[in-house]
Amino acid sequence: MNEKEQDKDQRLANIEVTLKNIYKVLKPTRWEMFVQGLWRAVGYLVGLMLAIVLIGWFLNMIGVIPFMSEFSENMKNVLNIARTK
């Protein structure tokens, strides 16, 4: 091998070592992965609840779920009573 190829191999080896060091620094710890998983779960739950509420509201508006209107009227009355106190 000539000097140019040896220099290229040395640079590639240095790049590999540098990339391994960067990976060690950026690799999330188990605690960070745990917290990320918790936030994902919270996001899924909030999204699911929002979807259920919107679907229920829509079905209530078109009259498929009539008992929801009674419940919403009772909640409005409770909120109005709470506001006046």
PDB file of N, CA and C in Angstrom:
ATOM      1  N   MET A   1       0.834  -1.183   0.000  1.00  0.00           N
ATOM      2  CA  MET A   1       0.000   0.000   0.000  1.00  0.00           C
ATOM      3  C   MET A   1       0.875   1.241   0.000  1.00  0.00           C
ATOM      4  N   ASN A   2       0.396   2.155  -0.736  1.00  0.00           N
ATOM      5  CA  ASN A   2       1.181   3.386  -0.773  1.00  0.00           C
ATOM      6  C   ASN A   2       0.754   4.317   0.364  1.00  0.00           C
ATOM      7  N   GLU A   3       1.417   5.407   0.455  1.00  0.00           N
ATOM      8  CA  GLU A   3       1.209   6.341   1.558  1.00  0.00           C
ATOM      9  C   GLU A   3      -0.181   6.965   1.517  1.00  0.00           C
ATOM     10  N   LYS A   4      -0.712   7.182   0.339  1.00  0.00           N
ATOM     11  CA  LYS A   4      -2.032   7.796   0.185  1.00  0.00           C
ATOM     12  C   LYS A   4      -3.126   6.879   0.738  1.00  0.00           C
ATOM     13  N   GLU A   5      -3.026   5.589   0.458  1.00  0.00           N
ATOM     14  CA  GLU A   5      -4.019   4.636   0.958  1.00  0.00           C
ATOM     15  C   GLU A   5      -3.920   4.474   2.468  1.00  0.00           C
ATOM     16  N   GLN A   6      -2.709   4.503   2.996  1.00  0.00           N
ATOM     17  CA  GLN A   6      -2.539   4.405   4.445  1.00  0.00           C
ATOM     18  C   GLN A   6      -3.147   5.618   5.149  1.00  0.00           C
ATOM     19  N   ASP A   7      -2.969   6.781   4.531  1.00  0.00           N
ATOM     20  CA  ASP A   7      -3.545   8.002   5.087  1.00  0.00           C
ATOM     21  C   ASP A   7      -5.075   7.919   5.062  1.00  0.00           C
ATOM     22  N   LYS A   8      -5.616   7.401   3.969  1.00  0.00           N
ATOM     23  CA  LYS A   8      -7.070   7.249   3.850  1.00  0.00           C
ATOM     24  C   LYS A   8      -7.594   6.271   4.910  1.00  0.00           C
ATOM     25  N   ASP A   9      -6.890   5.147   5.099  1.00  0.00           N
ATOM     26  CA  ASP A   9      -7.299   4.170   6.109  1.00  0.00           C
ATOM     27  C   ASP A   9      -7.234   4.769   7.516  1.00  0.00           C
ATOM     28  N   GLN A  10      -6.221   5.562   7.777  1.00  0.00           N
ATOM     29  CA  GLN A  10      -6.081   6.203   9.088  1.00  0.00           C
ATOM     30  C   GLN A  10      -7.219   7.190   9.321  1.00  0.00           C
ATOM     31  N   ARG A  11      -7.579   7.951   8.313  1.00  0.00           N
ATOM     32  CA  ARG A  11      -8.694   8.895   8.440  1.00  0.00           C
ATOM     33  C   ARG A  11     -10.005   8.160   8.688  1.00  0.00           C
ATOM     34  N   LEU A  12     -10.227   7.067   7.969  1.00  0.00           N
ATOM     35  CA  LEU A  12     -11.442   6.285   8.178  1.00  0.00           C
ATOM     36  C   LEU A  12     -11.497   5.709   9.595  1.00  0.00           C
ATOM     37  N   ALA A  13     -10.367   5.257  10.104  1.00  0.00           N
ATOM     38  CA  ALA A  13     -10.310   4.742  11.469  1.00  0.00           C
ATOM     39  C   ALA A  13     -10.626   5.852  12.472  1.00  0.00           C
ATOM     40  N   ASN A  14     -10.086   7.046  12.237  1.00  0.00           N
ATOM     41  CA  ASN A  14     -10.373   8.190  13.120  1.00  0.00           C
ATOM     42  C   ASN A  14     -11.852   8.559  13.074  1.00  0.00           C
ATOM     43  N   ILE A  15     -12.434   8.525  11.881  1.00  0.00           N
ATOM     44  CA  ILE A  15     -13.864   8.838  11.743  1.00  0.00           C
ATOM     45  C   ILE A  15     -14.701   7.810  12.495  1.00  0.00           C
ATOM     46  N   GLU A  16     -14.318   6.536  12.385  1.00  0.00           N
ATOM     47  CA  GLU A  16     -15.050   5.485  13.076  1.00  0.00           C
ATOM     48  C   GLU A  16     -15.004   5.676  14.592  1.00  0.00           C
ATOM     49  N   VAL A  17     -13.827   6.000  15.112  1.00  0.00           N
ATOM     50  CA  VAL A  17     -13.686   6.234  16.551  1.00  0.00           C
ATOM     51  C   VAL A  17     -14.518   7.441  16.971  1.00  0.00           C
ATOM     52  N   THR A  18     -14.484   8.483  16.168  1.00  0.00           N
ATOM     53  CA  THR A  18     -15.260   9.684  16.486  1.00  0.00           C
ATOM     54  C   THR A  18     -16.748   9.385  16.492  1.00  0.00           C
ATOM     55  N   LEU A  19     -17.226   8.621  15.517  1.00  0.00           N
ATOM     56  CA  LEU A  19     -18.639   8.273  15.475  1.00  0.00           C
ATOM     57  C   LEU A  19     -19.049   7.412  16.666  1.00  0.00           C
ATOM     58  N   LYS A  20     -18.189   6.501  17.085  1.00  0.00           N
ATOM     59  CA  LYS A  20     -18.490   5.685  18.267  1.00  0.00           C
ATOM     60  C   LYS A  20     -18.575   6.552  19.516  1.00  0.00           C
ATOM     61  N   ASN A  21     -17.695   7.532  19.630  1.00  0.00           N
ATOM     62  CA  ASN A  21     -17.738   8.442  20.777  1.00  0.00           C
ATOM     63  C   ASN A  21     -19.009   9.291  20.764  1.00  0.00           C
ATOM     64  N   ILE A  22     -19.408   9.762  19.594  1.00  0.00           N
ATOM     65  CA  ILE A  22     -20.635  10.548  19.477  1.00  0.00           C
ATOM     66  C   ILE A  22     -21.830   9.695  19.873  1.00  0.00           C
ATOM     67  N   TYR A  23     -21.849   8.435  19.427  1.00  0.00           N
ATOM     68  CA  TYR A  23     -22.950   7.538  19.776  1.00  0.00           C
ATOM     69  C   TYR A  23     -23.033   7.333  21.278  1.00  0.00           C
ATOM     70  N   LYS A  24     -21.891   7.184  21.941  1.00  0.00           N
ATOM     71  CA  LYS A  24     -21.894   6.994  23.387  1.00  0.00           C
ATOM     72  C   LYS A  24     -22.472   8.210  24.102  1.00  0.00           C
ATOM     73  N   VAL A  25     -22.171   9.388  23.573  1.00  0.00           N
ATOM     74  CA  VAL A  25     -22.661  10.614  24.196  1.00  0.00           C
ATOM     75  C   VAL A  25     -24.155  10.786  23.962  1.00  0.00           C
ATOM     76  N   LEU A  26     -24.630  10.492  22.758  1.00  0.00           N
ATOM     77  CA  LEU A  26     -26.019  10.743  22.403  1.00  0.00           C
ATOM     78  C   LEU A  26     -26.969   9.603  22.737  1.00  0.00           C
ATOM     79  N   LYS A  27     -26.445   8.429  23.039  1.00  0.00           N
ATOM     80  CA  LYS A  27     -27.298   7.278  23.329  1.00  0.00           C
ATOM     81  C   LYS A  27     -28.112   7.554  24.584  1.00  0.00           C
ATOM     82  N   PRO A  28     -29.457   7.441  24.488  1.00  0.00           N
ATOM     83  CA  PRO A  28     -30.267   7.712  25.679  1.00  0.00           C
ATOM     84  C   PRO A  28     -30.085   6.626  26.737  1.00  0.00           C
ATOM     85  N   THR A  29     -30.157   7.054  27.981  1.00  0.00           N
ATOM     86  CA  THR A  29     -30.047   6.107  29.077  1.00  0.00           C
ATOM     87  C   THR A  29     -31.380   5.396  29.265  1.00  0.00           C
ATOM     88  N   ARG A  30     -31.387   4.393  30.108  1.00  0.00           N
ATOM     89  CA  ARG A  30     -32.641   3.673  30.364  1.00  0.00           C
ATOM     90  C   ARG A  30     -33.670   4.598  30.992  1.00  0.00           C
ATOM     91  N   TRP A  31     -33.227   5.477  31.860  1.00  0.00           N
ATOM     92  CA  TRP A  31     -34.145   6.421  32.497  1.00  0.00           C
ATOM     93  C   TRP A  31     -34.777   7.342  31.451  1.00  0.00           C
ATOM     94  N   GLU A  32     -33.984   7.854  30.522  1.00  0.00           N
ATOM     95  CA  GLU A  32     -34.517   8.722  29.470  1.00  0.00           C
ATOM     96  C   GLU A  32     -35.500   7.971  28.591  1.00  0.00           C
ATOM     97  N   MET A  33     -35.179   6.728  28.253  1.00  0.00           N
ATOM     98  CA  MET A  33     -36.103   5.932  27.439  1.00  0.00           C
ATOM     99  C   MET A  33     -37.397   5.657  28.194  1.00  0.00           C
ATOM    100  N   PHE A  34     -37.306   5.433  29.510  1.00  0.00           N
ATOM    101  CA  PHE A  34     -38.487   5.221  30.331  1.00  0.00           C
ATOM    102  C   PHE A  34     -39.389   6.449  30.320  1.00  0.00           C
ATOM    103  N   VAL A  35     -38.787   7.620  30.499  1.00  0.00           N
ATOM    104  CA  VAL A  35     -39.564   8.867  30.512  1.00  0.00           C
ATOM    105  C   VAL A  35     -40.176   9.121  29.138  1.00  0.00           C
ATOM    106  N   GLN A  36     -39.441   8.863  28.074  1.00  0.00           N
ATOM    107  CA  GLN A  36     -39.993   9.018  26.725  1.00  0.00           C
ATOM    108  C   GLN A  36     -41.192   8.093  26.523  1.00  0.00           C
ATOM    109  N   GLY A  37     -41.092   6.865  27.016  1.00  0.00           N
ATOM    110  CA  GLY A  37     -42.203   5.927  26.911  1.00  0.00           C
ATOM    111  C   GLY A  37     -43.422   6.398  27.676  1.00  0.00           C
ATOM    112  N   LEU A  38     -43.193   6.979  28.859  1.00  0.00           N
ATOM    113  CA  LEU A  38     -44.320   7.517  29.630  1.00  0.00           C
ATOM    114  C   LEU A  38     -45.013   8.652  28.888  1.00  0.00           C
ATOM    115  N   TRP A  39     -44.224   9.556  28.300  1.00  0.00           N
ATOM    116  CA  TRP A  39     -44.826  10.671  27.564  1.00  0.00           C
ATOM    117  C   TRP A  39     -45.599  10.183  26.346  1.00  0.00           C
ATOM    118  N   ARG A  40     -45.075   9.149  25.674  1.00  0.00           N
ATOM    119  CA  ARG A  40     -45.812   8.586  24.540  1.00  0.00           C
ATOM    120  C   ARG A  40     -47.143   8.000  24.996  1.00  0.00           C
ATOM    121  N   ALA A  41     -47.122   7.294  26.122  1.00  0.00           N
ATOM    122  CA  ALA A  41     -48.357   6.708  26.645  1.00  0.00           C
ATOM    123  C   ALA A  41     -49.365   7.789  27.008  1.00  0.00           C
ATOM    124  N   VAL A  42     -48.895   8.860  27.631  1.00  0.00           N
ATOM    125  CA  VAL A  42     -49.785   9.974  27.975  1.00  0.00           C
ATOM    126  C   VAL A  42     -50.370  10.580  26.702  1.00  0.00           C
ATOM    127  N   GLY A  43     -49.547  10.740  25.682  1.00  0.00           N
ATOM    128  CA  GLY A  43     -50.037  11.288  24.418  1.00  0.00           C
ATOM    129  C   GLY A  43     -51.084  10.398  23.774  1.00  0.00           C
ATOM    130  N   TYR A  44     -50.855   9.091  23.797  1.00  0.00           N
ATOM    131  CA  TYR A  44     -51.849   8.172  23.242  1.00  0.00           C
ATOM    132  C   TYR A  44     -53.160   8.259  24.006  1.00  0.00           C
ATOM    133  N   LEU A  45     -53.085   8.321  25.338  1.00  0.00           N
ATOM    134  CA  LEU A  45     -54.305   8.389  26.140  1.00  0.00           C
ATOM    135  C   LEU A  45     -55.073   9.684  25.896  1.00  0.00           C
ATOM    136  N   VAL A  46     -54.359  10.788  25.839  1.00  0.00           N
ATOM    137  CA  VAL A  46     -55.025  12.074  25.590  1.00  0.00           C
ATOM    138  C   VAL A  46     -55.676  12.069  24.204  1.00  0.00           C
ATOM    139  N   GLY A  47     -54.963  11.552  23.217  1.00  0.00           N
ATOM    140  CA  GLY A  47     -55.524  11.476  21.876  1.00  0.00           C
ATOM    141  C   GLY A  47     -56.737  10.574  21.811  1.00  0.00           C
ATOM    142  N   LEU A  48     -56.682   9.444  22.493  1.00  0.00           N
ATOM    143  CA  LEU A  48     -57.813   8.525  22.518  1.00  0.00           C
ATOM    144  C   LEU A  48     -59.020   9.152  23.200  1.00  0.00           C
ATOM    145  N   MET A  49     -58.791   9.819  24.331  1.00  0.00           N
ATOM    146  CA  MET A  49     -59.907  10.473  25.021  1.00  0.00           C
ATOM    147  C   MET A  49     -60.508  11.577  24.165  1.00  0.00           C
ATOM    148  N   LEU A  50     -59.674  12.341  23.497  1.00  0.00           N
ATOM    149  CA  LEU A  50     -60.171  13.402  22.629  1.00  0.00           C
ATOM    150  C   LEU A  50     -60.999  12.829  21.487  1.00  0.00           C
ATOM    151  N   ALA A  51     -60.530  11.735  20.894  1.00  0.00           N
ATOM    152  CA  ALA A  51     -61.279  11.101  19.806  1.00  0.00           C
ATOM    153  C   ALA A  51     -62.623  10.587  20.306  1.00  0.00           C
ATOM    154  N   ILE A  52     -62.650   9.969  21.484  1.00  0.00           N
ATOM    155  CA  ILE A  52     -63.911   9.458  22.032  1.00  0.00           C
ATOM    156  C   ILE A  52     -64.882  10.597  22.317  1.00  0.00           C
ATOM    157  N   VAL A  53     -64.378  11.678  22.881  1.00  0.00           N
ATOM    158  CA  VAL A  53     -65.238  12.827  23.188  1.00  0.00           C
ATOM    159  C   VAL A  53     -65.798  13.432  21.900  1.00  0.00           C
ATOM    160  N   LEU A  54     -64.958  13.598  20.893  1.00  0.00           N
ATOM    161  CA  LEU A  54     -65.442  14.179  19.637  1.00  0.00           C
ATOM    162  C   LEU A  54     -66.453  13.282  18.935  1.00  0.00           C
ATOM    163  N   ILE A  55     -66.203  11.996  18.940  1.00  0.00           N
ATOM    164  CA  ILE A  55     -67.156  11.067  18.321  1.00  0.00           C
ATOM    165  C   ILE A  55     -68.469  11.074  19.100  1.00  0.00           C
ATOM    166  N   GLY A  56     -68.399  11.059  20.430  1.00  0.00           N
ATOM    167  CA  GLY A  56     -69.608  11.123  21.242  1.00  0.00           C
ATOM    168  C   GLY A  56     -70.382  12.407  21.022  1.00  0.00           C
ATOM    169  N   TRP A  57     -69.673  13.525  20.939  1.00  0.00           N
ATOM    170  CA  TRP A  57     -70.335  14.811  20.692  1.00  0.00           C
ATOM    171  C   TRP A  57     -71.020  14.807  19.336  1.00  0.00           C
ATOM    172  N   PHE A  58     -70.334  14.285  18.313  1.00  0.00           N
ATOM    173  CA  PHE A  58     -70.908  14.237  16.977  1.00  0.00           C
ATOM    174  C   PHE A  58     -72.150  13.343  16.956  1.00  0.00           C
ATOM    175  N   LEU A  59     -72.067  12.172  17.582  1.00  0.00           N
ATOM    176  CA  LEU A  59     -73.220  11.282  17.612  1.00  0.00           C
ATOM    177  C   LEU A  59     -74.373  11.885  18.405  1.00  0.00           C
ATOM    178  N   ASN A  60     -74.061  12.659  19.417  1.00  0.00           N
ATOM    179  CA  ASN A  60     -75.095  13.357  20.176  1.00  0.00           C
ATOM    180  C   ASN A  60     -75.762  14.425  19.311  1.00  0.00           C
ATOM    181  N   MET A  61     -74.972  15.125  18.520  1.00  0.00           N
ATOM    182  CA  MET A  61     -75.520  16.192  17.676  1.00  0.00           C
ATOM    183  C   MET A  61     -76.475  15.644  16.617  1.00  0.00           C
ATOM    184  N   ILE A  62     -76.172  14.478  16.084  1.00  0.00           N
ATOM    185  CA  ILE A  62     -77.050  13.933  15.043  1.00  0.00           C
ATOM    186  C   ILE A  62     -78.168  13.077  15.637  1.00  0.00           C
ATOM    187  N   GLY A  63     -78.185  12.903  16.958  1.00  0.00           N
ATOM    188  CA  GLY A  63     -79.293  12.231  17.629  1.00  0.00           C
ATOM    189  C   GLY A  63     -79.150  10.733  17.781  1.00  0.00           C
ATOM    190  N   VAL A  64     -77.993  10.190  17.543  1.00  0.00           N
ATOM    191  CA  VAL A  64     -77.802   8.752  17.693  1.00  0.00           C
ATOM    192  C   VAL A  64     -77.746   8.366  19.168  1.00  0.00           C
ATOM    193  N   ILE A  65     -77.194   9.239  20.001  1.00  0.00           N
ATOM    194  CA  ILE A  65     -77.064   8.975  21.436  1.00  0.00           C
ATOM    195  C   ILE A  65     -77.919  10.008  22.178  1.00  0.00           C
ATOM    196  N   PRO A  66     -79.207   9.725  22.392  1.00  0.00           N
ATOM    197  CA  PRO A  66     -80.070  10.738  23.026  1.00  0.00           C
ATOM    198  C   PRO A  66     -79.794  10.936  24.511  1.00  0.00           C
ATOM    199  N   PHE A  67     -79.330   9.921  25.228  1.00  0.00           N
ATOM    200  CA  PHE A  67     -79.109  10.078  26.661  1.00  0.00           C
ATOM    201  C   PHE A  67     -77.986  11.063  26.965  1.00  0.00           C
ATOM    202  N   MET A  68     -77.125  11.313  26.000  1.00  0.00           N
ATOM    203  CA  MET A  68     -76.029  12.257  26.223  1.00  0.00           C
ATOM    204  C   MET A  68     -76.572  13.677  26.404  1.00  0.00           C
ATOM    205  N   SER A  69     -77.688  14.005  25.751  1.00  0.00           N
ATOM    206  CA  SER A  69     -78.231  15.356  25.877  1.00  0.00           C
ATOM    207  C   SER A  69     -78.726  15.606  27.300  1.00  0.00           C
ATOM    208  N   GLU A  70     -79.332  14.582  27.936  1.00  0.00           N
ATOM    209  CA  GLU A  70     -79.765  14.727  29.320  1.00  0.00           C
ATOM    210  C   GLU A  70     -78.566  14.935  30.238  1.00  0.00           C
ATOM    211  N   PHE A  71     -77.516  14.166  30.015  1.00  0.00           N
ATOM    212  CA  PHE A  71     -76.314  14.290  30.823  1.00  0.00           C
ATOM    213  C   PHE A  71     -75.679  15.669  30.652  1.00  0.00           C
ATOM    214  N   SER A  72     -75.627  16.149  29.409  1.00  0.00           N
ATOM    215  CA  SER A  72     -75.020  17.459  29.178  1.00  0.00           C
ATOM    216  C   SER A  72     -75.858  18.570  29.809  1.00  0.00           C
ATOM    217  N   GLU A  73     -77.176  18.438  29.802  1.00  0.00           N
ATOM    218  CA  GLU A  73     -78.027  19.441  30.447  1.00  0.00           C
ATOM    219  C   GLU A  73     -77.790  19.452  31.959  1.00  0.00           C
ATOM    220  N   ASN A  74     -77.669  18.267  32.549  1.00  0.00           N
ATOM    221  CA  ASN A  74     -77.387  18.197  33.986  1.00  0.00           C
ATOM    222  C   ASN A  74     -76.036  18.826  34.304  1.00  0.00           C
ATOM    223  N   MET A  75     -75.036  18.591  33.473  1.00  0.00           N
ATOM    224  CA  MET A  75     -73.716  19.174  33.700  1.00  0.00           C
ATOM    225  C   MET A  75     -73.761  20.692  33.566  1.00  0.00           C
ATOM    226  N   LYS A  76     -74.528  21.196  32.595  1.00  0.00           N
ATOM    227  CA  LYS A  76     -74.666  22.647  32.441  1.00  0.00           C
ATOM    228  C   LYS A  76     -75.292  23.255  33.693  1.00  0.00           C
ATOM    229  N   ASN A  77     -76.321  22.591  34.230  1.00  0.00           N
ATOM    230  CA  ASN A  77     -76.970  23.097  35.450  1.00  0.00           C
ATOM    231  C   ASN A  77     -75.992  23.107  36.615  1.00  0.00           C
ATOM    232  N   VAL A  78     -75.200  22.054  36.758  1.00  0.00           N
ATOM    233  CA  VAL A  78     -74.221  21.988  37.846  1.00  0.00           C
ATOM    234  C   VAL A  78     -73.194  23.111  37.703  1.00  0.00           C
ATOM    235  N   LEU A  79     -72.715  23.329  36.480  1.00  0.00           N
ATOM    236  CA  LEU A  79     -71.732  24.389  36.252  1.00  0.00           C
ATOM    237  C   LEU A  79     -72.328  25.772  36.510  1.00  0.00           C
ATOM    238  N   ASN A  80     -73.562  25.982  36.119  1.00  0.00           N
ATOM    239  CA  ASN A  80     -74.210  27.279  36.374  1.00  0.00           C
ATOM    240  C   ASN A  80     -74.382  27.527  37.875  1.00  0.00           C
ATOM    241  N   ILE A  81     -74.736  26.476  38.614  1.00  0.00           N
ATOM    242  CA  ILE A  81     -74.872  26.617  40.061  1.00  0.00           C
ATOM    243  C   ILE A  81     -73.511  26.921  40.686  1.00  0.00           C
ATOM    244  N   ALA A  82     -72.479  26.267  40.210  1.00  0.00           N
ATOM    245  CA  ALA A  82     -71.143  26.494  40.751  1.00  0.00           C
ATOM    246  C   ALA A  82     -70.651  27.917  40.439  1.00  0.00           C
ATOM    247  N   ARG A  83     -71.009  28.441  39.296  1.00  0.00           N
ATOM    248  CA  ARG A  83     -70.588  29.809  38.934  1.00  0.00           C
ATOM    249  C   ARG A  83     -71.264  30.858  39.799  1.00  0.00           C
ATOM    250  N   THR A  84     -72.510  30.627  40.166  1.00  0.00           N
ATOM    251  CA  THR A  84     -73.242  31.628  40.939  1.00  0.00           C
ATOM    252  C   THR A  84     -72.801  31.682  42.379  1.00  0.00           C
ATOM    253  N   LYS A  85     -72.151  30.636  42.871  1.00  0.00           N
ATOM    254  CA  LYS A  85     -71.718  30.629  44.277  1.00  0.00           C
ATOM    255  C   LYS A  85     -70.420  31.362  44.454  1.00  0.00           C
TER     256      LYS A  85
END
